[in-house]
C-alpha atoms as a PDB file:
ATOM      1  CA  UNK A   1      87.805 110.789  78.636  1.00  0.00           C
ATOM      2  CA  UNK A   2      86.706 112.365  81.921  1.00  0.00           C
ATOM      3  CA  UNK A   3      89.514 113.642  84.135  1.00  0.00           C
ATOM      4  CA  UNK A   4      87.745 112.902  87.437  1.00  0.00           C
ATOM      5  CA  UNK A   5      86.839 109.371  88.456  1.00  0.00           C
ATOM      6  CA  UNK A   6      84.862 108.415  91.574  1.00  0.00           C
ATOM      7  CA  UNK A   7      85.730 105.026  93.085  1.00  0.00           C
ATOM      8  CA  UNK A   8      82.753 103.862  95.117  1.00  0.00           C
ATOM      9  CA  UNK A   9      82.985 103.222  98.840  1.00  0.00           C
ATOM     10  CA  UNK A  10      80.854 101.496 101.459  1.00  0.00           C
ATOM     11  CA  UNK A  11      80.754  98.400 103.648  1.00  0.00           C
ATOM     12  CA  UNK A  12      77.244  97.309 102.587  1.00  0.00           C
ATOM     13  CA  UNK A  13      75.246  97.350  99.361  1.00  0.00           C
ATOM     14  CA  UNK A  14      73.021 100.062 100.826  1.00  0.00           C
ATOM     15  CA  UNK A  15      76.015 102.254 101.773  1.00  0.00           C
ATOM     16  CA  UNK A  16      77.566 101.772  98.358  1.00  0.00           C
ATOM     17  CA  UNK A  17      74.367 102.635  96.549  1.00  0.00           C
ATOM     18  CA  UNK A  18      73.768 105.670  98.755  1.00  0.00           C
ATOM     19  CA  UNK A  19      77.302 107.003  98.090  1.00  0.00           C
ATOM     20  CA  UNK A  20      76.985 106.338  94.330  1.00  0.00           C
ATOM     21  CA  UNK A  21      73.652 108.142  94.115  1.00  0.00           C
ATOM     22  CA  UNK A  22      75.103 111.115  96.038  1.00  0.00           C
ATOM     23  CA  UNK A  23      78.105 111.285  93.650  1.00  0.00           C
ATOM     24  CA  UNK A  24      75.807 111.124  90.603  1.00  0.00           C
ATOM     25  CA  UNK A  25      73.487 113.798  92.024  1.00  0.00           C
ATOM     26  CA  UNK A  26      76.545 116.020  92.468  1.00  0.00           C
ATOM     27  CA  UNK A  27      77.677 115.678  88.882  1.00  0.00           C
ATOM     28  CA  UNK A  28      80.144 112.778  88.712  1.00  0.00           C
ATOM     29  CA  UNK A  29      80.540 111.579  85.095  1.00  0.00           C
ATOM     30  CA  UNK A  30      82.855 108.596  85.648  1.00  0.00           C
ATOM     31  CA  UNK A  31      82.122 105.914  88.231  1.00  0.00           C
ATOM     32  CA  UNK A  32      84.187 102.879  89.127  1.00  0.00           C
ATOM     33  CA  UNK A  33      82.151 100.377  91.171  1.00  0.00           C
ATOM     34  CA  UNK A  34      84.565  98.928  93.696  1.00  0.00           C
ATOM     35  CA  UNK A  35      83.533  96.793  96.679  1.00  0.00           C
ATOM     36  CA  UNK A  36      86.258  94.487  97.910  1.00  0.00           C
ATOM     37  CA  UNK A  37      85.378  91.285  99.805  1.00  0.00           C
ATOM     38  CA  UNK A  38      81.731  91.596  98.803  1.00  0.00           C
ATOM     39  CA  UNK A  39      79.428  88.658  98.365  1.00  0.00           C
ATOM     40  CA  UNK A  40      79.447  88.094  94.571  1.00  0.00           C
ATOM     41  CA  UNK A  41      75.637  88.060  94.312  1.00  0.00           C
ATOM     42  CA  UNK A  42      75.332  91.378  96.121  1.00  0.00           C
ATOM     43  CA  UNK A  43      78.194  92.853  94.121  1.00  0.00           C
ATOM     44  CA  UNK A  44      76.425  91.810  90.906  1.00  0.00           C
ATOM     45  CA  UNK A  45      73.222  93.509  92.129  1.00  0.00           C
ATOM     46  CA  UNK A  46      75.145  96.679  93.004  1.00  0.00           C
ATOM     47  CA  UNK A  47      76.841  96.714  89.577  1.00  0.00           C
ATOM     48  CA  UNK A  48      73.468  96.252  87.869  1.00  0.00           C
ATOM     49  CA  UNK A  49      71.860  99.115  89.836  1.00  0.00           C
ATOM     50  CA  UNK A  50      74.911 101.341  89.276  1.00  0.00           C
ATOM     51  CA  UNK A  51      74.965 100.704  85.562  1.00  0.00           C
ATOM     52  CA  UNK A  52      71.279 101.620  85.222  1.00  0.00           C
ATOM     53  CA  UNK A  53      71.794 104.784  87.282  1.00  0.00           C
ATOM     54  CA  UNK A  54      74.834 105.732  85.191  1.00  0.00           C
ATOM     55  CA  UNK A  55      72.762 105.356  82.007  1.00  0.00           C
ATOM     56  CA  UNK A  56      70.173 107.754  83.447  1.00  0.00           C
ATOM     57  CA  UNK A  57      72.875 110.262  84.461  1.00  0.00           C
ATOM     58  CA  UNK A  58      74.924 109.836  81.237  1.00  0.00           C
ATOM     59  CA  UNK A  59      77.879 108.686  83.346  1.00  0.00           C
ATOM     60  CA  UNK A  60      80.537 106.151  82.428  1.00  0.00           C
ATOM     61  CA  UNK A  61      80.238 102.968  84.528  1.00  0.00           C
ATOM     62  CA  UNK A  62      83.404 100.916  85.052  1.00  0.00           C
ATOM     63  CA  UNK A  63      83.429  97.694  87.095  1.00  0.00           C
ATOM     64  CA  UNK A  64      86.443  96.964  89.286  1.00  0.00           C
ATOM     65  CA  UNK A  65      88.108  93.582  88.659  1.00  0.00           C
ATOM     66  CA  UNK A  66      85.083  91.539  87.502  1.00  0.00           C
ATOM     67  CA  UNK A  67      85.306  91.230  83.717  1.00  0.00           C
ATOM     68  CA  UNK A  68      82.413  88.746  83.445  1.00  0.00           C
ATOM     69  CA  UNK A  69      80.076  90.992  85.430  1.00  0.00           C
ATOM     70  CA  UNK A  70      81.043  93.952  83.237  1.00  0.00           C
ATOM     71  CA  UNK A  71      80.120  91.862  80.197  1.00  0.00           C
ATOM     72  CA  UNK A  72      76.887  90.459  81.683  1.00  0.00           C
ATOM     73  CA  UNK A  73      75.455  93.866  82.569  1.00  0.00           C
ATOM     74  CA  UNK A  74      76.933  95.627  79.489  1.00  0.00           C
ATOM     75  CA  UNK A  75      78.874  98.173  81.573  1.00  0.00           C
ATOM     76  CA  UNK A  76      81.147 100.668  79.837  1.00  0.00           C
ATOM     77  CA  UNK A  77      84.253  98.780  80.863  1.00  0.00           C
ATOM     78  CA  UNK A  78      86.434  97.255  83.546  1.00  0.00           C
ATOM     79  CA  UNK A  79      89.384  98.256  85.728  1.00  0.00           C
ATOM     80  CA  UNK A  80      91.980  95.573  86.319  1.00  0.00           C
ATOM     81  CA  UNK A  81      94.434  95.360  89.206  1.00  0.00           C
ATOM     82  CA  UNK A  82      97.861  93.870  88.522  1.00  0.00           C
ATOM     83  CA  UNK A  83      96.675  90.451  89.773  1.00  0.00           C
ATOM     84  CA  UNK A  84      93.248  90.530  88.125  1.00  0.00           C
ATOM     85  CA  UNK A  85      93.812  88.794  84.811  1.00  0.00           C
ATOM     86  CA  UNK A  86      95.121  90.124  81.543  1.00  0.00           C
ATOM     87  CA  UNK A  87      94.009  93.062  79.471  1.00  0.00           C
ATOM     88  CA  UNK A  88      94.115  90.779  76.428  1.00  0.00           C
ATOM     89  CA  UNK A  89      91.615  88.360  78.037  1.00  0.00           C
ATOM     90  CA  UNK A  90      89.323  91.255  79.085  1.00  0.00           C
ATOM     91  CA  UNK A  91      89.495  92.722  75.568  1.00  0.00           C
ATOM     92  CA  UNK A  92      88.599  89.420  73.934  1.00  0.00           C
ATOM     93  CA  UNK A  93      85.580  89.065  76.258  1.00  0.00           C
ATOM     94  CA  UNK A  94      84.345  92.661  76.204  1.00  0.00           C
ATOM     95  CA  UNK A  95      85.173  93.619  72.646  1.00  0.00           C
ATOM     96  CA  UNK A  96      87.122  96.518  71.185  1.00  0.00           C
ATOM     97  CA  UNK A  97      84.670  99.278  72.102  1.00  0.00           C
ATOM     98  CA  UNK A  98      84.720  98.860  75.897  1.00  0.00           C
ATOM     99  CA  UNK A  99      87.066 100.782  78.215  1.00  0.00           C
ATOM    100  CA  UNK A 100      89.793  98.801  79.963  1.00  0.00           C
ATOM    101  CA  UNK A 101      91.831 100.470  82.672  1.00  0.00           C
ATOM    102  CA  UNK A 102      94.781  99.004  84.554  1.00  0.00           C
ATOM    103  CA  UNK A 103      96.482  99.626  87.873  1.00  0.00           C
ATOM    104  CA  UNK A 104     100.201 100.435  88.040  1.00  0.00           C
ATOM    105  CA  UNK A 105     102.650 101.240  90.832  1.00  0.00           C
ATOM    106  CA  UNK A 106     106.063 101.347  89.130  1.00  0.00           C
ATOM    107  CA  UNK A 107     107.607 102.397  85.810  1.00  0.00           C
ATOM    108  CA  UNK A 108     107.725  98.764  84.712  1.00  0.00           C
ATOM    109  CA  UNK A 109     104.000  98.430  85.499  1.00  0.00           C
ATOM    110  CA  UNK A 110     103.291 101.533  83.404  1.00  0.00           C
ATOM    111  CA  UNK A 111     105.350 100.157  80.487  1.00  0.00           C
ATOM    112  CA  UNK A 112     103.456  96.851  80.764  1.00  0.00           C
ATOM    113  CA  UNK A 113     100.120  98.690  80.688  1.00  0.00           C
ATOM    114  CA  UNK A 114     101.192 100.732  77.643  1.00  0.00           C
ATOM    115  CA  UNK A 115     102.227  97.572  75.814  1.00  0.00           C
ATOM    116  CA  UNK A 116      99.079  95.581  76.649  1.00  0.00           C
ATOM    117  CA  UNK A 117      97.542  98.148  75.806  1.00  0.00           C
ATOM    118  CA  UNK A 118      94.902  99.479  78.155  1.00  0.00           C
ATOM    119  CA  UNK A 119      92.882 102.674  77.667  1.00  0.00           C
ATOM    120  CA  UNK A 120      94.020 104.403  80.870  1.00  0.00           C
ATOM    121  CA  UNK A 121      96.322 103.723  83.821  1.00  0.00           C
ATOM    122  CA  UNK A 122      95.532 104.195  87.507  1.00  0.00           C
ATOM    123  CA  UNK A 123      98.955 104.973  89.001  1.00  0.00           C
ATOM    124  CA  UNK A 124      99.490 105.188  92.705  1.00  0.00           C
ATOM    125  CA  UNK A 125      99.187 105.490  95.551  1.00  0.00           C
ATOM    126  CA  UNK A 126     100.006 109.160  95.892  1.00  0.00           C
ATOM    127  CA  UNK A 127      99.953 108.775  99.695  1.00  0.00           C
ATOM    128  CA  UNK A 128      98.639 106.467 102.389  1.00  0.00           C
ATOM    129  CA  UNK A 129      94.971 105.556 102.004  1.00  0.00           C
ATOM    130  CA  UNK A 130      92.823 103.321 104.203  1.00  0.00           C
ATOM    131  CA  UNK A 131      90.649 102.258 101.232  1.00  0.00           C
ATOM    132  CA  UNK A 132      93.310  99.784 100.010  1.00  0.00           C
ATOM    133  CA  UNK A 133      93.988  96.672 102.069  1.00  0.00           C
ATOM    134  CA  UNK A 134      97.287  95.773 100.436  1.00  0.00           C
ATOM    135  CA  UNK A 135      98.819  99.150  99.794  1.00  0.00           C
ATOM    136  CA  UNK A 136     101.622  99.339  97.258  1.00  0.00           C
ATOM    137  CA  UNK A 137     104.718 101.439  97.985  1.00  0.00           C
ATOM    138  CA  UNK A 138     103.727 105.144  98.212  1.00  0.00           C
ATOM    139  CA  UNK A 139     104.828 107.193  95.185  1.00  0.00           C
ATOM    140  CA  UNK A 140     104.427 110.789  96.377  1.00  0.00           C
ATOM    141  CA  UNK A 141     104.777 113.605  93.827  1.00  0.00           C
ATOM    142  CA  UNK A 142     108.430 112.684  93.241  1.00  0.00           C
ATOM    143  CA  UNK A 143     107.450 109.159  92.185  1.00  0.00           C
ATOM    144  CA  UNK A 144     105.030 110.491  89.567  1.00  0.00           C
ATOM    145  CA  UNK A 145     107.642 112.980  88.360  1.00  0.00           C
ATOM    146  CA  UNK A 146     110.264 110.244  87.961  1.00  0.00           C
ATOM    147  CA  UNK A 147     107.882 107.972  86.027  1.00  0.00           C
ATOM    148  CA  UNK A 148     106.752 110.747  83.648  1.00  0.00           C
ATOM    149  CA  UNK A 149     110.372 111.821  83.094  1.00  0.00           C
ATOM    150  CA  UNK A 150     111.413 108.230  82.337  1.00  0.00           C
ATOM    151  CA  UNK A 151     108.633 107.923  79.747  1.00  0.00           C
ATOM    152  CA  UNK A 152     109.706 111.194  78.124  1.00  0.00           C
ATOM    153  CA  UNK A 153     113.363 110.084  78.125  1.00  0.00           C
ATOM    154  CA  UNK A 154     112.296 106.957  76.269  1.00  0.00           C
ATOM    155  CA  UNK A 155     110.305 109.145  73.820  1.00  0.00           C
ATOM    156  CA  UNK A 156     107.122 107.347  74.803  1.00  0.00           C
ATOM    157  CA  UNK A 157     103.842 109.210  74.360  1.00  0.00           C
ATOM    158  CA  UNK A 158     102.433 109.843  77.828  1.00  0.00           C
ATOM    159  CA  UNK A 159      99.278 107.747  78.256  1.00  0.00           C
ATOM    160  CA  UNK A 160      96.162 108.833  80.150  1.00  0.00           C
ATOM    161  CA  UNK A 161      97.427 108.385  83.710  1.00  0.00           C
ATOM    162  CA  UNK A 162      95.153 108.912  86.705  1.00  0.00           C
ATOM    163  CA  UNK A 163      96.676 109.491  90.144  1.00  0.00           C
ATOM    164  CA  UNK A 164      95.048 107.335  92.778  1.00  0.00           C
ATOM    165  CA  UNK A 165      95.404 106.797  96.507  1.00  0.00           C
ATOM    166  CA  UNK A 166      94.651 109.553  98.994  1.00  0.00           C
ATOM    167  CA  UNK A 167      94.224 112.257  96.332  1.00  0.00           C
ATOM    168  CA  UNK A 168      92.763 115.532  97.571  1.00  0.00           C
ATOM    169  CA  UNK A 169      91.665 118.782  95.964  1.00  0.00           C
ATOM    170  CA  UNK A 170      94.997 120.480  96.798  1.00  0.00           C
ATOM    171  CA  UNK A 171      96.869 117.863  94.738  1.00  0.00           C
ATOM    172  CA  UNK A 172      95.217 118.605  91.380  1.00  0.00           C
ATOM    173  CA  UNK A 173      97.462 121.494  90.303  1.00  0.00           C
ATOM    174  CA  UNK A 174     100.859 119.880  91.166  1.00  0.00           C
ATOM    175  CA  UNK A 175      99.774 116.550  89.556  1.00  0.00           C
ATOM    176  CA  UNK A 176      98.686 118.256  86.334  1.00  0.00           C
ATOM    177  CA  UNK A 177     101.913 120.229  86.232  1.00  0.00           C
ATOM    178  CA  UNK A 178     103.809 116.910  86.401  1.00  0.00           C
ATOM    179  CA  UNK A 179     101.797 115.630  83.410  1.00  0.00           C
ATOM    180  CA  UNK A 180      99.184 113.452  85.083  1.00  0.00           C
ATOM    181  CA  UNK A 181      95.968 113.371  83.050  1.00  0.00           C
ATOM    182  CA  UNK A 182      93.386 113.015  85.845  1.00  0.00           C
ATOM    183  CA  UNK A 183      92.613 111.714  89.315  1.00  0.00           C
ATOM    184  CA  UNK A 184      90.561 108.892  90.822  1.00  0.00           C
ATOM    185  CA  UNK A 185      89.057 109.922  94.153  1.00  0.00           C
ATOM    186  CA  UNK A 186      87.236 107.822  96.735  1.00  0.00           C
ATOM    187  CA  UNK A 187      87.262 109.131 100.329  1.00  0.00           C
ATOM    188  CA  UNK A 188      87.032 112.856  99.747  1.00  0.00           C
ATOM    189  CA  UNK A 189      84.037 112.520  97.407  1.00  0.00           C
ATOM    190  CA  UNK A 190      82.326 109.935  99.624  1.00  0.00           C
ATOM    191  CA  UNK A 191      82.669 112.254 102.619  1.00  0.00           C
ATOM    192  CA  UNK A 192      81.779 115.416 100.720  1.00  0.00           C
ATOM    193  CA  UNK A 193      80.046 114.805  97.353  1.00  0.00           C
ATOM    194  CA  UNK A 194      79.725 118.563  96.866  1.00  0.00           C
ATOM    195  CA  UNK A 195      83.511 118.606  96.370  1.00  0.00           C
ATOM    196  CA  UNK A 196      82.968 117.146  92.888  1.00  0.00           C
ATOM    197  CA  UNK A 197      82.303 120.599  91.428  1.00  0.00           C
ATOM    198  CA  UNK A 198      85.507 121.905  93.110  1.00  0.00           C
ATOM    199  CA  UNK A 199      87.549 119.040  91.639  1.00  0.00           C
ATOM    200  CA  UNK A 200      86.084 119.749  88.194  1.00  0.00           C
ATOM    201  CA  UNK A 201      86.941 123.453  88.437  1.00  0.00           C
ATOM    202  CA  UNK A 202      90.527 122.603  89.429  1.00  0.00           C
ATOM    203  CA  UNK A 203      91.024 120.347  86.394  1.00  0.00           C
ATOM    204  CA  UNK A 204      92.423 122.060  83.327  1.00  0.00           C
END
């Protein structure tokens, strides 16, 4: 599983597509198509375009929240927020071979995600980010440390956890030292797609 995810950004379909194409051109291999408050028809179109592009670039295409769209366009999987329906429901609709990721903010969320089970966990936010409208309590490095330690204390195998929320290049090393598997980045890659190669180099 790729250690670097790009979460798409943009206010319009054109902006979104432009940013996605730039990320793909710069070597991203895992895309999550995320466009909050979008018109559903336009979002479907964006997902369809993105999925085709990802096939051409041999990139994983994950759809944020919309399980039915992920099924309809045969995307690689779906990412579910805590309020976006159950992993069990998504699994029954998409089948056992698709990727299902889930958001978490607390230790209890992480334990829930492990039990459901989902394929990876997006845990955050690391710090304040303007890309989320309803931002969960900020974890900081200490929050990640505490959650990983609690899992180890319970003798639970550490799942594939991605840090999300304001993650920058300088955060990769400390996050990996804590035991975080990878990162999901939005703003820094949108603003500077060339940073993708730097992120990849920083990942062990």
